[in-house]
């Protein structure tokens, strides 16, 4: 299936047969409790300009997750702009 990435949906790309499920989680999901604007995090030097980020877009609003955190946790979940989200890496 060849498609424009913006046309893909989670239902179209997720194959449940490939999921590895177990009773014990190998990695604890990253529970996003609070967020901070990227401009503020950059100016306060909490995040460096060269830091790799995983950027999500929902209706024109962006949420950036640190790639280093996602490499360890593999899953981030929380609430973003009043709606639940789940991101995997």
N, C-alpha and C. Protein backbone atom coordinates (compact mmCIF):
# COMPACT_ATOMS: atom_id res chain seq x y z
N UNK A 1 0.84 -1.17 0.00
CA UNK A 1 0.00 0.00 0.00
C UNK A 1 0.88 1.23 0.00
N UNK A 2 0.80 2.02 -1.02
CA UNK A 2 1.57 3.25 -1.09
C UNK A 2 0.62 4.40 -0.88
N UNK A 3 0.96 5.23 0.10
CA UNK A 3 0.09 6.36 0.41
C UNK A 3 0.92 7.52 0.92
N UNK A 4 0.35 8.68 0.85
CA UNK A 4 0.95 9.85 1.44
C UNK A 4 0.86 9.70 2.95
N UNK A 5 1.99 9.92 3.71
CA UNK A 5 1.94 9.74 5.16
C UNK A 5 0.82 10.51 5.84
N UNK A 6 0.44 11.66 5.32
CA UNK A 6 -0.63 12.43 5.95
C UNK A 6 -1.98 11.76 5.75
N UNK A 7 -2.08 10.80 4.83
CA UNK A 7 -3.35 10.11 4.58
C UNK A 7 -3.49 8.85 5.44
N UNK A 8 -2.40 8.41 6.07
CA UNK A 8 -2.46 7.19 6.87
C UNK A 8 -3.14 7.46 8.20
N UNK A 9 -3.84 6.48 8.69
CA UNK A 9 -4.44 6.57 10.01
C UNK A 9 -3.90 5.43 10.85
N UNK A 10 -4.08 5.53 12.17
CA UNK A 10 -3.59 4.47 13.05
C UNK A 10 -4.24 3.15 12.68
N UNK A 11 -5.50 3.16 12.35
CA UNK A 11 -6.19 1.91 12.00
C UNK A 11 -5.62 1.31 10.72
N UNK A 12 -5.16 2.15 9.82
CA UNK A 12 -4.65 1.65 8.54
C UNK A 12 -3.23 1.12 8.67
N UNK A 13 -2.48 1.55 9.69
CA UNK A 13 -1.08 1.18 9.78
C UNK A 13 -0.78 0.21 10.93
N UNK A 14 -1.68 0.02 11.88
CA UNK A 14 -1.42 -0.85 13.03
C UNK A 14 -1.86 -2.27 12.71
N UNK A 15 -0.94 -3.22 12.89
CA UNK A 15 -1.24 -4.63 12.67
C UNK A 15 -1.20 -5.34 14.01
N UNK A 16 -2.35 -5.66 14.59
CA UNK A 16 -2.44 -6.27 15.91
C UNK A 16 -1.72 -7.61 15.98
N UNK A 17 -1.58 -8.30 14.85
CA UNK A 17 -0.90 -9.59 14.84
C UNK A 17 0.59 -9.45 15.16
N UNK A 18 1.14 -8.25 14.99
CA UNK A 18 2.57 -8.02 15.26
C UNK A 18 2.83 -7.61 16.70
N UNK A 19 1.78 -7.39 17.49
CA UNK A 19 1.94 -6.95 18.87
C UNK A 19 2.51 -8.08 19.73
N UNK A 20 3.42 -7.73 20.60
CA UNK A 20 3.99 -8.69 21.56
C UNK A 20 3.41 -8.32 22.92
N UNK A 21 2.53 -9.15 23.41
CA UNK A 21 1.84 -8.86 24.66
C UNK A 21 2.31 -9.81 25.75
N UNK A 22 2.54 -9.29 26.93
CA UNK A 22 2.93 -10.12 28.05
C UNK A 22 2.32 -9.54 29.32
N UNK A 23 2.34 -10.31 30.38
CA UNK A 23 1.77 -9.85 31.64
C UNK A 23 2.69 -8.84 32.31
N UNK A 24 3.96 -8.87 32.01
CA UNK A 24 4.93 -7.99 32.64
C UNK A 24 5.43 -6.96 31.62
N UNK A 25 5.30 -5.69 31.95
CA UNK A 25 5.81 -4.64 31.06
C UNK A 25 7.33 -4.60 31.14
N UNK A 26 7.99 -4.62 29.99
CA UNK A 26 9.44 -4.50 29.97
C UNK A 26 9.87 -3.06 30.25
N UNK A 27 9.08 -2.10 29.80
CA UNK A 27 9.38 -0.69 29.99
C UNK A 27 8.13 0.00 30.50
N UNK A 28 8.31 0.81 31.52
CA UNK A 28 7.19 1.56 32.07
C UNK A 28 6.82 2.70 31.12
N UNK A 29 5.56 2.85 30.74
CA UNK A 29 5.16 3.95 29.86
C UNK A 29 5.48 5.30 30.50
N UNK A 30 5.80 6.28 29.69
CA UNK A 30 6.04 7.64 30.16
C UNK A 30 4.69 8.31 30.34
N UNK A 31 4.33 8.58 31.59
CA UNK A 31 3.06 9.25 31.88
C UNK A 31 3.31 10.75 31.86
N UNK A 32 2.82 11.42 30.85
CA UNK A 32 3.03 12.86 30.70
C UNK A 32 2.08 13.57 31.66
N UNK A 33 2.64 14.16 32.71
CA UNK A 33 1.85 14.83 33.74
C UNK A 33 1.69 16.32 33.47
N UNK A 34 2.74 16.92 32.87
CA UNK A 34 2.70 18.35 32.58
C UNK A 34 3.52 18.62 31.33
N UNK A 35 3.25 19.72 30.71
CA UNK A 35 3.99 20.11 29.52
C UNK A 35 4.51 21.53 29.69
N UNK A 36 5.47 21.87 28.87
CA UNK A 36 6.05 23.21 28.88
C UNK A 36 6.29 23.61 27.44
N UNK A 37 6.10 24.86 27.14
CA UNK A 37 6.35 25.34 25.79
C UNK A 37 7.79 25.13 25.37
N UNK A 38 8.01 24.75 24.13
CA UNK A 38 9.36 24.48 23.64
C UNK A 38 10.22 25.74 23.69
N UNK A 39 9.67 26.88 23.35
CA UNK A 39 10.45 28.13 23.37
C UNK A 39 10.97 28.40 24.78
N UNK A 40 10.13 28.20 25.79
CA UNK A 40 10.56 28.40 27.17
C UNK A 40 11.60 27.39 27.61
N UNK A 41 11.42 26.13 27.20
CA UNK A 41 12.38 25.08 27.55
C UNK A 41 13.74 25.34 26.89
N UNK A 42 13.72 25.88 25.69
CA UNK A 42 14.97 26.23 25.01
C UNK A 42 15.65 27.42 25.69
N UNK A 43 14.88 28.48 26.01
CA UNK A 43 15.49 29.67 26.60
C UNK A 43 16.00 29.41 28.01
N UNK A 44 15.37 28.49 28.75
CA UNK A 44 15.83 28.17 30.10
C UNK A 44 16.90 27.08 30.09
N UNK A 45 17.25 26.64 28.89
CA UNK A 45 18.29 25.62 28.67
C UNK A 45 17.94 24.26 29.26
N UNK A 46 16.64 23.99 29.43
CA UNK A 46 16.20 22.65 29.81
C UNK A 46 16.32 21.70 28.61
N UNK A 47 16.21 22.28 27.41
CA UNK A 47 16.35 21.55 26.16
C UNK A 47 17.32 22.33 25.29
N UNK A 48 18.30 21.65 24.71
CA UNK A 48 19.25 22.31 23.80
C UNK A 48 18.67 22.33 22.38
N UNK A 49 19.11 23.27 21.59
CA UNK A 49 18.61 23.42 20.22
C UNK A 49 18.87 22.17 19.38
N UNK A 50 19.94 21.43 19.67
CA UNK A 50 20.26 20.23 18.88
C UNK A 50 19.64 18.95 19.43
N UNK A 51 18.82 19.06 20.48
CA UNK A 51 18.18 17.88 21.08
C UNK A 51 17.19 17.25 20.11
N UNK A 52 17.32 15.95 19.81
CA UNK A 52 16.35 15.28 18.93
C UNK A 52 14.98 15.19 19.62
N UNK A 53 13.95 15.51 18.87
CA UNK A 53 12.58 15.50 19.39
C UNK A 53 11.68 14.67 18.50
N UNK A 54 10.68 14.08 19.11
CA UNK A 54 9.58 13.44 18.38
C UNK A 54 8.43 14.43 18.48
N UNK A 55 7.99 14.95 17.35
CA UNK A 55 6.98 16.01 17.34
C UNK A 55 5.66 15.46 16.81
N UNK A 56 4.62 15.65 17.61
CA UNK A 56 3.27 15.22 17.23
C UNK A 56 2.48 16.45 16.84
N UNK A 57 1.58 16.28 15.89
CA UNK A 57 0.72 17.38 15.45
C UNK A 57 -0.73 16.94 15.55
N UNK A 58 -1.52 17.75 16.21
CA UNK A 58 -2.96 17.47 16.29
C UNK A 58 -3.68 18.79 16.03
N UNK A 59 -4.35 18.85 14.90
CA UNK A 59 -5.11 20.04 14.52
C UNK A 59 -4.28 21.32 14.59
N UNK A 60 -3.03 21.24 14.15
CA UNK A 60 -2.18 22.41 14.11
C UNK A 60 -1.44 22.72 15.41
N UNK A 61 -1.72 21.98 16.47
CA UNK A 61 -0.99 22.16 17.74
C UNK A 61 0.10 21.10 17.82
N UNK A 62 1.28 21.49 18.27
CA UNK A 62 2.41 20.56 18.32
C UNK A 62 2.72 20.17 19.76
N UNK A 63 3.10 18.92 19.93
CA UNK A 63 3.60 18.39 21.20
C UNK A 63 4.92 17.73 20.90
N UNK A 64 5.99 18.14 21.60
CA UNK A 64 7.32 17.59 21.38
C UNK A 64 7.69 16.69 22.56
N UNK A 65 8.20 15.51 22.24
CA UNK A 65 8.67 14.57 23.24
C UNK A 65 10.16 14.35 23.01
N UNK A 66 10.93 14.25 24.09
CA UNK A 66 12.36 14.01 23.96
C UNK A 66 12.60 12.61 23.42
N UNK A 67 13.34 12.52 22.33
CA UNK A 67 13.63 11.22 21.73
C UNK A 67 14.35 10.32 22.73
N UNK A 68 15.24 10.89 23.56
CA UNK A 68 15.97 10.08 24.54
C UNK A 68 15.02 9.43 25.55
N UNK A 69 13.96 10.11 25.93
CA UNK A 69 12.96 9.52 26.83
C UNK A 69 12.16 8.44 26.11
N UNK A 70 11.82 8.70 24.85
CA UNK A 70 11.02 7.73 24.09
C UNK A 70 11.82 6.48 23.77
N UNK A 71 13.14 6.59 23.61
CA UNK A 71 13.98 5.42 23.36
C UNK A 71 13.88 4.46 24.53
N UNK A 72 13.83 5.00 25.75
CA UNK A 72 13.73 4.14 26.94
C UNK A 72 12.31 3.65 27.16
N UNK A 73 11.34 4.56 27.19
CA UNK A 73 9.96 4.19 27.55
C UNK A 73 9.19 3.54 26.39
N UNK A 74 9.45 3.95 25.17
CA UNK A 74 8.78 3.46 23.97
C UNK A 74 7.33 3.90 23.84
N UNK A 75 6.69 4.27 24.93
CA UNK A 75 5.29 4.70 24.91
C UNK A 75 5.14 5.92 25.81
N UNK A 76 4.45 6.94 25.33
CA UNK A 76 4.10 8.10 26.15
C UNK A 76 2.59 8.26 26.08
N UNK A 77 2.00 8.60 27.20
CA UNK A 77 0.55 8.79 27.21
C UNK A 77 0.19 9.88 28.20
N UNK A 78 -0.93 10.50 27.94
CA UNK A 78 -1.40 11.56 28.82
C UNK A 78 -2.57 12.28 28.19
N UNK A 79 -2.75 13.52 28.60
CA UNK A 79 -3.81 14.35 28.05
C UNK A 79 -3.16 15.55 27.39
N UNK A 80 -3.63 15.88 26.21
CA UNK A 80 -3.07 16.99 25.44
C UNK A 80 -4.22 17.79 24.87
N UNK A 81 -4.29 19.05 25.23
CA UNK A 81 -5.38 19.95 24.79
C UNK A 81 -6.75 19.35 25.08
N UNK A 82 -6.89 18.73 26.26
CA UNK A 82 -8.18 18.22 26.69
C UNK A 82 -8.58 16.85 26.14
N UNK A 83 -7.69 16.20 25.40
CA UNK A 83 -8.00 14.89 24.84
C UNK A 83 -6.85 13.93 25.15
N UNK A 84 -7.17 12.66 25.40
CA UNK A 84 -6.10 11.70 25.67
C UNK A 84 -5.25 11.45 24.43
N UNK A 85 -3.96 11.13 24.66
CA UNK A 85 -3.09 10.76 23.56
C UNK A 85 -2.20 9.61 23.99
N UNK A 86 -1.71 8.88 23.00
CA UNK A 86 -0.74 7.82 23.20
C UNK A 86 0.21 7.88 22.01
N UNK A 87 1.51 7.92 22.30
CA UNK A 87 2.53 7.95 21.24
C UNK A 87 3.48 6.79 21.47
N UNK A 88 3.87 6.12 20.40
CA UNK A 88 4.83 5.02 20.50
C UNK A 88 6.04 5.33 19.63
N UNK A 89 7.16 4.73 20.02
CA UNK A 89 8.40 4.96 19.29
C UNK A 89 9.20 3.70 19.26
